[in-house]
Amino acid sequence: MAAQEARVYADRAVLGAAAGRREAEEQLLITRLHLQGIIQSAMDAIITVDDEQHVVLFNQAAEKMFQCSAVDAIGSPLERFIPSRFRGAHHRHVHAFGQSGATSRKMGQLGTVTGVRADEEEFPIEAAISHFTVEGKKHYTVILRDVTERDRLSAQLRKAERLAELGTLASGMAHEIGTPMNVILGRAEYLIQRVTDEGTKKGLATIVTQVERITKVMNQLLAFARRKTPERRTVDLGQTIDDSLELFQERMTHSRITVEKAIEANMPSVYADPDQLTQVLINLVMNSVHAMPEGGQLRLSLDRENGHARLGVSDTGHGMPEAIRSKIFEPFFTTKDFGKGTGLGLTVVKGIIEEHGGTIDVESAVDKGTTFWIRLPLDGGQIKAMP
């Protein structure tokens, strides 16, 4: 009887232990699933690699960041997500970290590093790293944050601060420089009319030219740093094109530049500041003329596109590589020789167009020419059809 009771107690203990193991296994499975859910739903990219730097975990945020599926990433070397010029330094850093005795480094401690997406686009990253040991082998987990947008906003803030300083400086300089320049210009033009010596006239003409250049630079600075509120009314863009081209007629004839116009019939007028739109066209046409020193073709088009007036200014000039094209609207960026350009013209143009609720884009290829596309809204309440 005692032996039978002992067997019953033993069986109950075995069953209890088995139930305990099942419960523990179920709890472990739930925990694993919970952790997996956290990892997959994390906003930051999480990647784990083994001691040979091969990927063993690649969450959804990592898939989005690197434009690579987890199926494709797992098993591949981590260096595929690092630009080739940084891979040597990466291996040295991981080795040193593994030997340092530290178990983790927080976000930002590594500084900004560079990653590369599947399409070979490079981008800035902040990272946190930790390591752990599984069956005697070290594994490393990195948490990665794409800081492209943060860096872009920081750059915009720095630019805004620079523009604010420029505005203060330009406003103060306008009177101090503008007044004496106008006096010099007036006196030089007065003397040109009264002297007979050709050498003196030539010298005075040089003074006039240089004073006008200084005045132009000051006006660009003021327009850039302290843009006036547009004085808007209905504007016939076709007429604005004609008026602007007329200013360059002699220059284009001398430079062997032909002009082609393609103006859509019955174009509605736009609601804009006519002086500012003329300034935009003068800047763009002047750039095209400078791009065709040996002659070429200038084409201006105007049509309607999705509720916008689309204005195109195209030339067959030397064009621009991507490295230059991407910077042409930045303040003070210019490809012209020193003293021949301020780097503000296209910045002012972009500012004017954006103040009118429009956009400006550029297409260009080396030795094939450049096209600027301007789109201005055709607001039904602020336009009327041309007669």
Protein backbone atom coordinates (compact mmCIF):
# COMPACT_ATOMS: atom_id res chain seq x y z
CA MET A 1 0.00 0.00 0.00
CA ALA A 2 2.77 2.39 0.89
CA ALA A 3 4.62 1.52 -2.31
CA GLN A 4 1.49 2.16 -4.36
CA GLU A 5 0.98 5.56 -2.75
CA ALA A 6 4.62 6.41 -3.41
CA ARG A 7 4.17 5.59 -7.09
CA VAL A 8 1.09 7.83 -7.25
CA TYR A 9 2.99 10.69 -5.65
CA ALA A 10 5.89 10.13 -8.05
CA ASP A 11 3.59 10.10 -11.08
CA ARG A 12 1.94 13.29 -9.85
CA ALA A 13 5.38 14.90 -9.44
CA VAL A 14 6.39 13.92 -12.97
CA LEU A 15 3.14 15.24 -14.37
CA GLY A 16 3.56 18.42 -12.35
CA ALA A 17 7.12 18.87 -13.61
CA ALA A 18 6.01 18.27 -17.19
CA ALA A 19 3.19 20.80 -16.82
CA GLY A 20 5.68 23.26 -15.33
CA ARG A 21 8.03 22.79 -18.27
CA ARG A 22 5.17 23.24 -20.74
CA GLU A 23 4.10 26.40 -18.93
CA ALA A 24 7.69 27.70 -18.91
CA GLU A 25 8.11 26.86 -22.61
CA GLU A 26 4.83 28.59 -23.43
CA GLN A 27 5.89 31.63 -21.41
CA LEU A 28 9.27 31.66 -23.17
CA LEU A 29 7.54 31.43 -26.55
CA ILE A 30 5.23 34.30 -25.63
CA THR A 31 8.23 36.36 -24.50
CA ARG A 32 10.10 35.63 -27.73
CA LEU A 33 7.08 36.55 -29.82
CA HIS A 34 6.64 39.71 -27.77
CA LEU A 35 10.30 40.70 -28.24
CA GLN A 36 10.09 39.87 -31.94
CA GLY A 37 7.05 42.12 -32.22
CA ILE A 38 8.88 44.95 -30.47
CA ILE A 39 11.92 44.54 -32.73
CA GLN A 40 9.84 44.45 -35.90
CA SER A 41 7.70 47.44 -34.92
CA ALA A 42 10.64 49.59 -33.79
CA MET A 43 11.02 52.87 -35.68
CA ASP A 44 14.83 52.54 -35.68
CA ALA A 45 16.63 49.94 -37.77
CA ILE A 46 17.88 46.98 -35.70
CA ILE A 47 20.50 44.64 -37.12
CA THR A 48 22.29 41.77 -35.38
CA VAL A 49 25.42 40.16 -36.81
CA ASP A 50 27.46 37.16 -35.73
CA ASP A 51 31.16 37.17 -34.93
CA GLU A 52 31.95 36.95 -38.65
CA GLN A 53 29.88 40.07 -39.32
CA HIS A 54 27.10 38.24 -41.16
CA VAL A 55 23.54 39.46 -40.63
CA VAL A 56 21.34 37.22 -38.49
CA LEU A 57 18.53 39.72 -37.70
CA PHE A 58 17.19 42.52 -39.91
CA ASN A 59 13.98 44.24 -38.79
CA GLN A 60 11.36 46.00 -40.89
CA ALA A 61 12.80 49.47 -40.23
CA ALA A 62 16.15 48.20 -41.54
CA GLU A 63 14.40 46.91 -44.67
CA LYS A 64 12.92 50.35 -45.27
CA MET A 65 16.13 52.22 -44.43
CA PHE A 66 18.40 50.18 -46.70
CA GLN A 67 15.74 49.29 -49.30
CA CYS A 68 16.60 45.62 -48.87
CA SER A 69 14.40 42.74 -47.72
CA ALA A 70 15.28 40.74 -44.63
CA VAL A 71 15.32 37.57 -46.74
CA ASP A 72 18.00 39.09 -48.94
CA ALA A 73 19.96 40.66 -46.06
CA ILE A 74 20.18 37.73 -43.62
CA GLY A 75 23.33 35.72 -44.16
CA SER A 76 25.04 38.48 -46.14
CA PRO A 77 28.00 40.48 -44.76
CA LEU A 78 27.12 43.70 -42.98
CA GLU A 79 29.67 45.59 -45.09
CA ARG A 80 27.24 45.58 -48.03
CA PHE A 81 25.44 48.38 -46.17
CA ILE A 82 28.65 50.38 -45.65
CA PRO A 83 30.35 52.43 -48.40
CA SER A 84 33.49 50.63 -49.56
CA ARG A 85 35.83 53.42 -48.43
CA PHE A 86 34.65 53.02 -44.81
CA ARG A 87 34.69 49.21 -44.54
CA GLY A 88 38.27 48.91 -43.27
CA ALA A 89 37.65 51.44 -40.51
CA HIS A 90 34.41 49.63 -39.61
CA HIS A 91 36.16 46.28 -39.13
CA ARG A 92 38.85 47.89 -36.98
CA HIS A 93 36.23 49.63 -34.86
CA VAL A 94 34.18 46.47 -34.27
CA HIS A 95 37.31 44.52 -33.31
CA ALA A 96 38.42 47.25 -30.89
CA PHE A 97 34.92 47.45 -29.39
CA GLY A 98 34.80 43.68 -28.88
CA GLN A 99 38.15 43.77 -27.09
CA SER A 100 37.41 46.84 -24.99
CA GLY A 101 35.32 45.13 -22.34
CA ALA A 102 32.42 47.55 -22.89
CA THR A 103 29.07 45.94 -23.56
CA SER A 104 27.35 48.86 -25.28
CA ARG A 105 27.69 52.37 -26.62
CA LYS A 106 24.74 54.73 -26.68
CA MET A 107 23.18 56.50 -29.63
CA GLY A 108 25.38 59.39 -30.71
CA GLN A 109 28.54 58.16 -28.97
CA LEU A 110 29.85 56.84 -32.29
CA GLY A 111 29.16 60.15 -34.01
CA THR A 112 27.55 60.21 -37.45
CA VAL A 113 28.45 57.31 -39.72
CA THR A 114 27.53 56.67 -43.34
CA GLY A 115 25.29 53.95 -44.72
CA VAL A 116 24.50 52.99 -48.29
CA ARG A 117 21.12 51.87 -49.62
CA ALA A 118 20.50 49.19 -52.22
CA ASP A 119 20.39 51.86 -54.95
CA GLU A 120 23.89 53.04 -53.81
CA GLU A 121 22.57 56.27 -52.27
CA GLU A 122 24.67 57.21 -49.24
CA PHE A 123 23.05 58.73 -46.16
CA PRO A 124 24.04 59.77 -42.59
CA ILE A 125 23.28 57.51 -39.64
CA GLU A 126 23.56 57.65 -35.87
CA ALA A 127 24.16 54.29 -34.22
CA ALA A 128 24.11 52.50 -30.87
CA ILE A 129 25.95 49.19 -30.53
CA SER A 130 26.02 46.35 -28.01
CA HIS A 131 27.44 42.83 -27.97
CA PHE A 132 26.54 39.56 -26.28
CA THR A 133 27.78 35.98 -26.34
CA VAL A 134 25.86 32.96 -27.62
CA GLU A 135 27.47 29.52 -27.24
CA GLY A 136 30.86 31.11 -26.83
CA LYS A 137 30.56 33.31 -29.93
CA LYS A 138 30.10 37.07 -29.87
CA HIS A 139 27.16 38.73 -31.59
CA TYR A 140 26.70 42.45 -32.16
CA THR A 141 23.44 44.37 -32.33
CA VAL A 142 23.33 47.86 -33.82
CA ILE A 143 20.41 50.26 -33.62
CA LEU A 144 20.52 52.72 -36.51
CA ARG A 145 18.73 56.03 -37.02
CA ASP A 146 18.61 57.83 -40.38
CA VAL A 147 19.42 61.49 -39.63
CA THR A 148 19.09 62.78 -43.19
CA GLU A 149 16.05 64.89 -42.36
CA ARG A 150 17.57 66.19 -39.13
CA ASP A 151 20.73 67.25 -40.96
CA ARG A 152 18.65 68.90 -43.68
CA LEU A 153 16.71 70.92 -41.13
CA SER A 154 19.93 71.90 -39.35
CA ALA A 155 21.37 73.09 -42.65
CA GLN A 156 18.21 75.10 -43.31
CA LEU A 157 18.47 76.68 -39.88
CA ARG A 158 22.09 77.66 -40.47
CA LYS A 159 21.14 79.11 -43.84
CA ALA A 160 18.26 81.07 -42.30
CA GLU A 161 20.60 82.49 -39.68
CA ARG A 162 23.06 83.46 -42.39
CA LEU A 163 20.33 85.13 -44.42
CA ALA A 164 19.15 87.07 -41.39
CA GLU A 165 22.68 88.36 -40.86
CA LEU A 166 22.93 89.20 -44.55
CA GLY A 167 19.66 91.12 -44.42
CA THR A 168 20.89 93.26 -41.56
CA LEU A 169 24.19 93.87 -43.32
CA ALA A 170 22.62 94.64 -46.71
CA SER A 171 20.11 97.08 -45.24
CA GLY A 172 22.87 98.97 -43.48
CA MET A 173 25.09 99.02 -46.55
CA ALA A 174 22.37 100.14 -48.95
CA HIS A 175 22.45 103.76 -47.80
CA GLU A 176 26.15 103.95 -47.00
CA ILE A 177 27.16 102.62 -50.42
CA GLY A 178 24.16 103.53 -52.56
CA THR A 179 24.24 107.28 -51.94
CA PRO A 180 27.92 107.88 -52.87
CA MET A 181 27.61 105.50 -55.83
CA ASN A 182 24.71 107.53 -57.21
CA VAL A 183 26.76 110.73 -56.81
CA ILE A 184 29.73 109.17 -58.62
CA LEU A 185 27.49 107.83 -61.38
CA GLY A 186 25.78 111.17 -61.89
CA ARG A 187 29.06 113.11 -62.01
CA ALA A 188 30.65 110.63 -64.42
CA GLU A 189 27.68 110.75 -66.80
CA TYR A 190 27.69 114.56 -66.58
CA LEU A 191 31.38 114.74 -67.49
CA ILE A 192 31.05 112.28 -70.38
CA GLN A 193 28.72 114.75 -72.08
CA ARG A 194 31.15 117.62 -71.67
CA VAL A 195 34.64 116.29 -72.36
CA THR A 196 36.03 115.88 -75.85
CA ASP A 197 39.14 113.81 -75.19
CA GLU A 198 38.36 110.19 -76.18
CA GLY A 199 40.74 108.73 -73.61
CA THR A 200 38.98 110.63 -70.83
CA LYS A 201 35.58 109.56 -72.16
CA LYS A 202 36.71 105.93 -72.17
CA GLY A 203 37.89 106.21 -68.56
CA LEU A 204 34.61 107.82 -67.49
CA ALA A 205 32.64 105.12 -69.29
CA THR A 206 34.59 102.49 -67.31
CA ILE A 207 33.63 104.29 -64.09
CA VAL A 208 29.96 104.28 -65.11
CA THR A 209 30.10 100.55 -65.95
CA GLN A 210 31.70 99.61 -62.63
CA VAL A 211 29.35 101.79 -60.59
CA GLU A 212 26.38 100.20 -62.34
CA ARG A 213 27.80 96.76 -61.50
CA ILE A 214 28.16 97.69 -57.83
CA THR A 215 24.62 99.07 -57.81
CA LYS A 216 23.33 95.86 -59.38
CA VAL A 217 25.06 93.74 -56.74
CA MET A 218 23.58 95.89 -53.97
CA ASN A 219 20.10 95.62 -55.48
CA GLN A 220 20.48 91.85 -55.68
CA LEU A 221 21.56 91.70 -52.06
CA LEU A 222 18.57 93.77 -51.00
CA ALA A 223 16.18 91.76 -53.15
CA PHE A 224 17.61 88.55 -51.70
CA ALA A 225 17.70 89.57 -48.05
CA ARG A 226 14.67 91.83 -47.87
CA ARG A 227 12.22 90.77 -50.53
CA LYS A 228 9.41 93.26 -50.86
CA THR A 229 5.81 92.12 -50.73
CA PRO A 230 4.69 91.40 -54.30
CA GLU A 231 2.38 94.04 -55.78
CA ARG A 232 0.14 91.69 -57.68
CA ARG A 233 -2.22 92.20 -60.56
CA THR A 234 -3.20 90.26 -63.66
CA VAL A 235 -0.14 89.76 -65.86
CA ASP A 236 0.05 88.62 -69.47
CA LEU A 237 3.04 86.27 -69.37
CA GLY A 238 3.27 86.26 -73.16
CA GLN A 239 3.75 90.02 -73.16
CA THR A 240 6.26 89.75 -70.32
CA ILE A 241 8.27 87.31 -72.45
CA ASP A 242 8.24 89.74 -75.39
CA ASP A 243 9.27 92.70 -73.22
CA SER A 244 12.12 90.76 -71.66
CA LEU A 245 13.44 89.47 -75.00
CA GLU A 246 13.44 92.97 -76.42
CA LEU A 247 16.08 93.98 -73.87
CA PHE A 248 18.45 91.34 -75.27
CA GLN A 249 17.69 91.73 -78.98
CA GLU A 250 20.93 93.44 -79.94
CA ARG A 251 23.02 91.18 -77.69
CA MET A 252 21.53 87.99 -79.14
CA THR A 253 21.93 89.17 -82.72
CA HIS A 254 25.58 89.96 -82.05
CA SER A 255 26.07 86.55 -80.33
CA ARG A 256 24.33 84.66 -83.21
CA ILE A 257 21.55 83.37 -80.95
CA THR A 258 18.22 82.57 -82.57
CA VAL A 259 14.97 82.78 -80.61
CA GLU A 260 12.00 80.44 -80.81
CA LYS A 261 8.72 81.07 -79.00
CA ALA A 262 5.91 78.59 -78.42
CA ILE A 263 3.01 80.36 -76.70
CA GLU A 264 -0.26 78.49 -76.21
CA ALA A 265 -3.25 80.32 -77.67
CA ASN A 266 -5.73 81.93 -75.28
CA MET A 267 -3.42 81.64 -72.29
CA PRO A 268 -5.01 83.10 -69.15
CA SER A 269 -3.13 85.80 -67.32
CA VAL A 270 -1.57 85.09 -63.93
CA TYR A 271 -2.01 87.10 -60.75
CA ALA A 272 1.51 88.28 -59.97
CA ASP A 273 3.94 91.17 -59.56
CA PRO A 274 4.89 92.13 -63.15
CA ASP A 275 8.21 93.72 -62.17
CA GLN A 276 9.29 90.62 -60.27
CA LEU A 277 8.32 88.30 -63.12
CA THR A 278 10.28 90.49 -65.51
CA GLN A 279 13.25 90.21 -63.15
CA VAL A 280 12.88 86.41 -63.24
CA LEU A 281 12.87 86.29 -67.04
CA ILE A 282 15.78 88.70 -67.39
CA ASN A 283 17.89 86.53 -65.06
CA LEU A 284 17.05 83.32 -66.89
CA VAL A 285 17.52 84.75 -70.39
CA MET A 286 20.82 86.34 -69.35
CA ASN A 287 22.06 83.00 -68.03
CA SER A 288 21.10 81.32 -71.30
CA VAL A 289 22.92 83.97 -73.33
CA HIS A 290 26.05 83.51 -71.19
CA ALA A 291 25.80 79.73 -71.73
CA MET A 292 25.98 80.18 -75.53
CA PRO A 293 29.09 82.32 -76.20
CA GLU A 294 29.46 80.73 -79.65
CA GLY A 295 25.79 81.09 -80.55
CA GLY A 296 22.86 78.72 -80.33
CA GLN A 297 19.10 78.66 -79.86
CA LEU A 298 16.98 80.13 -77.09
CA ARG A 299 13.47 78.72 -76.76
CA LEU A 300 10.70 80.14 -74.60
CA SER A 301 7.46 78.22 -74.17
CA LEU A 302 4.25 78.94 -72.31
CA ASP A 303 1.32 76.58 -71.82
CA ARG A 304 -1.10 75.22 -69.24
CA GLU A 305 -0.37 72.20 -67.07
CA ASN A 306 -2.65 70.93 -64.29
CA GLY A 307 -4.02 74.31 -63.27
CA HIS A 308 -0.67 76.06 -63.67
CA ALA A 309 0.95 78.29 -66.23
CA ARG A 310 4.14 76.49 -67.28
CA LEU A 311 6.94 78.69 -68.56
CA GLY A 312 10.02 77.09 -70.09
CA VAL A 313 13.34 78.79 -70.85
CA SER A 314 15.68 76.51 -72.82
CA ASP A 315 19.08 76.97 -74.39
CA THR A 316 21.50 74.84 -76.39
CA GLY A 317 24.50 75.96 -74.35
CA HIS A 318 27.20 74.06 -72.51
CA GLY A 319 24.84 72.60 -69.88
CA MET A 320 25.72 71.53 -66.35
CA PRO A 321 26.80 68.31 -64.62
CA GLU A 322 24.65 67.07 -61.73
CA ALA A 323 27.14 68.31 -59.12
CA ILE A 324 26.57 71.89 -60.29
CA ARG A 325 22.89 71.57 -61.22
CA SER A 326 21.97 70.53 -57.68
CA LYS A 327 23.54 73.69 -56.20
CA ILE A 328 22.58 76.47 -58.59
CA PHE A 329 19.80 77.87 -56.36
CA GLU A 330 22.06 78.07 -53.29
CA PRO A 331 23.09 81.58 -52.16
CA PHE A 332 26.47 82.75 -53.49
CA PHE A 333 27.04 79.64 -55.61
CA THR A 334 28.33 80.63 -59.05
CA THR A 335 30.39 79.07 -61.81
CA LYS A 336 31.35 82.44 -63.26
CA ASP A 337 34.80 83.95 -62.88
CA PHE A 338 35.49 86.19 -59.91
CA GLY A 339 33.87 89.59 -60.39
CA LYS A 340 31.45 88.36 -63.08
CA GLY A 341 28.70 86.95 -60.91
CA THR A 342 27.39 87.20 -57.35
CA GLY A 343 25.72 83.80 -57.11
CA LEU A 344 22.48 85.51 -56.07
CA GLY A 345 20.56 85.77 -59.35
CA LEU A 346 18.99 82.31 -59.33
CA THR A 347 18.48 82.45 -55.56
CA VAL A 348 16.42 85.61 -56.04
CA VAL A 349 14.54 83.98 -58.93
CA LYS A 350 13.63 80.95 -56.80
CA GLY A 351 12.51 83.20 -53.94
CA ILE A 352 10.23 85.25 -56.21
CA ILE A 353 8.63 82.17 -57.76
CA GLU A 354 8.02 80.53 -54.38
CA GLU A 355 6.50 83.75 -52.98
CA HIS A 356 4.01 83.54 -55.84
CA GLY A 357 3.10 79.99 -54.83
CA GLY A 358 4.98 78.47 -57.76
CA THR A 359 7.90 76.15 -58.36
CA ILE A 360 11.05 76.25 -60.46
CA ASP A 361 12.97 73.20 -61.68
CA VAL A 362 15.97 72.76 -63.93
CA GLU A 363 16.99 70.06 -66.40
CA SER A 364 20.48 70.07 -67.84
CA ALA A 365 23.05 67.88 -69.54
CA VAL A 366 26.65 68.70 -70.38
CA ASP A 367 27.02 69.96 -73.97
CA LYS A 368 23.28 69.57 -74.57
CA GLY A 369 21.84 72.65 -72.90
CA THR A 370 19.65 73.66 -70.00
CA THR A 371 15.92 74.13 -69.45
CA PHE A 372 14.30 75.98 -66.55
CA TRP A 373 10.65 75.14 -65.88
CA ILE A 374 8.54 77.62 -63.93
CA ARG A 375 5.03 76.75 -62.80
CA LEU A 376 2.73 79.45 -61.46
CA PRO A 377 -0.78 78.68 -60.16
CA LEU A 378 -3.79 79.65 -62.24
CA ASP A 379 -6.18 80.45 -59.43
CA GLY A 380 -9.69 80.56 -60.83
CA GLY A 381 -10.58 83.51 -58.64
CA GLN A 382 -7.60 85.57 -59.68
CA ILE A 383 -7.23 85.07 -63.44
CA LYS A 384 -9.06 86.09 -66.54
CA ALA A 385 -8.77 84.85 -70.06
CA MET A 386 -6.74 86.91 -72.48
CA PRO A 387 -8.90 88.72 -75.06
